[in-house]
Amino acid sequence: MIYAFRYALGRKTYAVRDVCDCLISNWDELGLISKKLIHKEIIEFRERYVKIGLGQNDNAWDEILNLKV
């Protein structure tokens, strides 16, 4: 799942929704380290790239950030 997550982060494709749905469905099965890593990478991506227009699919990533770690 981490591989798919990293692939989808920053893309403008249906894969983002698919990956987010998969993460949401399996969130309780992920370990604490994986959850923290996913949250950290979304936040870091936004800090780096949203200002240059790569912040598409923000709603999908917001759903992941709203999941409890």
C-alpha atoms as a PDB file:
ATOM      1  CA  MET A   1       0.000   0.000   0.000  1.00  0.00           C
ATOM      2  CA  ILE A   2       2.877   2.392   0.707  1.00  0.00           C
ATOM      3  CA  TYR A   3       4.121   1.903  -2.856  1.00  0.00           C
ATOM      4  CA  ALA A   4       0.681   2.684  -4.295  1.00  0.00           C
ATOM      5  CA  PHE A   5       0.310   5.664  -1.964  1.00  0.00           C
ATOM      6  CA  ARG A   6       3.640   7.137  -3.075  1.00  0.00           C
ATOM      7  CA  TYR A   7       2.722   6.566  -6.713  1.00  0.00           C
ATOM      8  CA  ALA A   8      -0.594   8.385  -6.325  1.00  0.00           C
ATOM      9  CA  LEU A   9       0.597  11.330  -4.246  1.00  0.00           C
ATOM     10  CA  GLY A  10       0.776  14.343  -6.538  1.00  0.00           C
ATOM     11  CA  ARG A  11      -0.845  12.705  -9.542  1.00  0.00           C
ATOM     12  CA  LYS A  12      -3.902  13.850 -11.447  1.00  0.00           C
ATOM     13  CA  THR A  13      -5.464  10.470 -12.095  1.00  0.00           C
ATOM     14  CA  TYR A  14      -8.191   8.138 -10.919  1.00  0.00           C
ATOM     15  CA  ALA A  15      -5.464   6.222  -9.068  1.00  0.00           C
ATOM     16  CA  VAL A  16      -5.626   8.808  -6.292  1.00  0.00           C
ATOM     17  CA  ARG A  17      -9.230   7.963  -5.478  1.00  0.00           C
ATOM     18  CA  ASP A  18      -8.541   4.231  -5.726  1.00  0.00           C
ATOM     19  CA  VAL A  19      -5.531   4.448  -3.401  1.00  0.00           C
ATOM     20  CA  CYS A  20      -7.355   6.647  -0.892  1.00  0.00           C
ATOM     21  CA  ASP A  21     -10.334   4.279  -0.848  1.00  0.00           C
ATOM     22  CA  CYS A  22      -7.966   1.366  -0.262  1.00  0.00           C
ATOM     23  CA  LEU A  23      -6.173   3.202   2.541  1.00  0.00           C
ATOM     24  CA  ILE A  24      -9.475   4.132   4.196  1.00  0.00           C
ATOM     25  CA  SER A  25     -10.756   0.551   3.955  1.00  0.00           C
ATOM     26  CA  ASN A  26      -7.572  -0.878   5.434  1.00  0.00           C
ATOM     27  CA  TRP A  27      -6.535   1.913   7.820  1.00  0.00           C
ATOM     28  CA  ASP A  28      -7.176  -0.142  10.953  1.00  0.00           C
ATOM     29  CA  GLU A  29      -4.905  -2.879   9.610  1.00  0.00           C
ATOM     30  CA  LEU A  30      -1.947  -0.536   9.082  1.00  0.00           C
ATOM     31  CA  GLY A  31       0.658  -0.189  11.785  1.00  0.00           C
ATOM     32  CA  LEU A  32       1.265   3.049  13.650  1.00  0.00           C
ATOM     33  CA  ILE A  33       4.545   3.706  11.824  1.00  0.00           C
ATOM     34  CA  SER A  34       2.853   3.342   8.419  1.00  0.00           C
ATOM     35  CA  LYS A  35       0.006   5.652   9.412  1.00  0.00           C
ATOM     36  CA  LYS A  36       2.409   8.311  10.662  1.00  0.00           C
ATOM     37  CA  LEU A  37       4.525   7.979   7.525  1.00  0.00           C
ATOM     38  CA  ILE A  38       1.515   8.444   5.250  1.00  0.00           C
ATOM     39  CA  HIS A  39       0.338  11.523   7.161  1.00  0.00           C
ATOM     40  CA  LYS A  40       3.873  12.969   7.195  1.00  0.00           C
ATOM     41  CA  GLU A  41       4.375  12.492   3.460  1.00  0.00           C
ATOM     42  CA  ILE A  42       1.025  14.094   2.568  1.00  0.00           C
ATOM     43  CA  ILE A  43       1.841  17.119   4.721  1.00  0.00           C
ATOM     44  CA  GLU A  44       5.374  17.409   3.312  1.00  0.00           C
ATOM     45  CA  PHE A  45       4.090  17.105  -0.237  1.00  0.00           C
ATOM     46  CA  ARG A  46       1.643  19.917   0.343  1.00  0.00           C
ATOM     47  CA  GLU A  47       4.291  22.139   1.872  1.00  0.00           C
ATOM     48  CA  ARG A  48       6.554  21.628  -1.144  1.00  0.00           C
ATOM     49  CA  TYR A  49       4.294  21.385  -4.157  1.00  0.00           C
ATOM     50  CA  VAL A  50       0.843  22.886  -3.646  1.00  0.00           C
ATOM     51  CA  LYS A  51       2.177  26.390  -4.227  1.00  0.00           C
ATOM     52  CA  ILE A  52       3.257  25.386  -7.753  1.00  0.00           C
ATOM     53  CA  GLY A  53      -0.111  23.895  -8.657  1.00  0.00           C
ATOM     54  CA  LEU A  54       0.291  20.221  -7.823  1.00  0.00           C
ATOM     55  CA  GLY A  55      -2.351  20.174  -5.098  1.00  0.00           C
ATOM     56  CA  GLN A  56      -5.030  18.388  -7.069  1.00  0.00           C
ATOM     57  CA  ASN A  57      -7.127  15.767  -5.318  1.00  0.00           C
ATOM     58  CA  ASP A  58      -6.800  17.603  -2.027  1.00  0.00           C
ATOM     59  CA  ASN A  59     -10.185  16.348  -0.841  1.00  0.00           C
ATOM     60  CA  ALA A  60      -9.076  12.743  -1.170  1.00  0.00           C
ATOM     61  CA  TRP A  61      -5.882  13.401   0.796  1.00  0.00           C
ATOM     62  CA  ASP A  62      -7.836  15.383   3.398  1.00  0.00           C
ATOM     63  CA  GLU A  63      -9.861  12.246   4.067  1.00  0.00           C
ATOM     64  CA  ILE A  64      -6.653  10.370   4.842  1.00  0.00           C
ATOM     65  CA  LEU A  65      -5.330  13.158   7.072  1.00  0.00           C
ATOM     66  CA  ASN A  66      -8.610  13.056   9.013  1.00  0.00           C
ATOM     67  CA  LEU A  67      -8.114   9.379   9.876  1.00  0.00           C
ATOM     68  CA  LYS A  68      -6.920   8.792  13.415  1.00  0.00           C
ATOM     69  CA  VAL A  69      -3.275   7.818  13.912  1.00  0.00           C
END
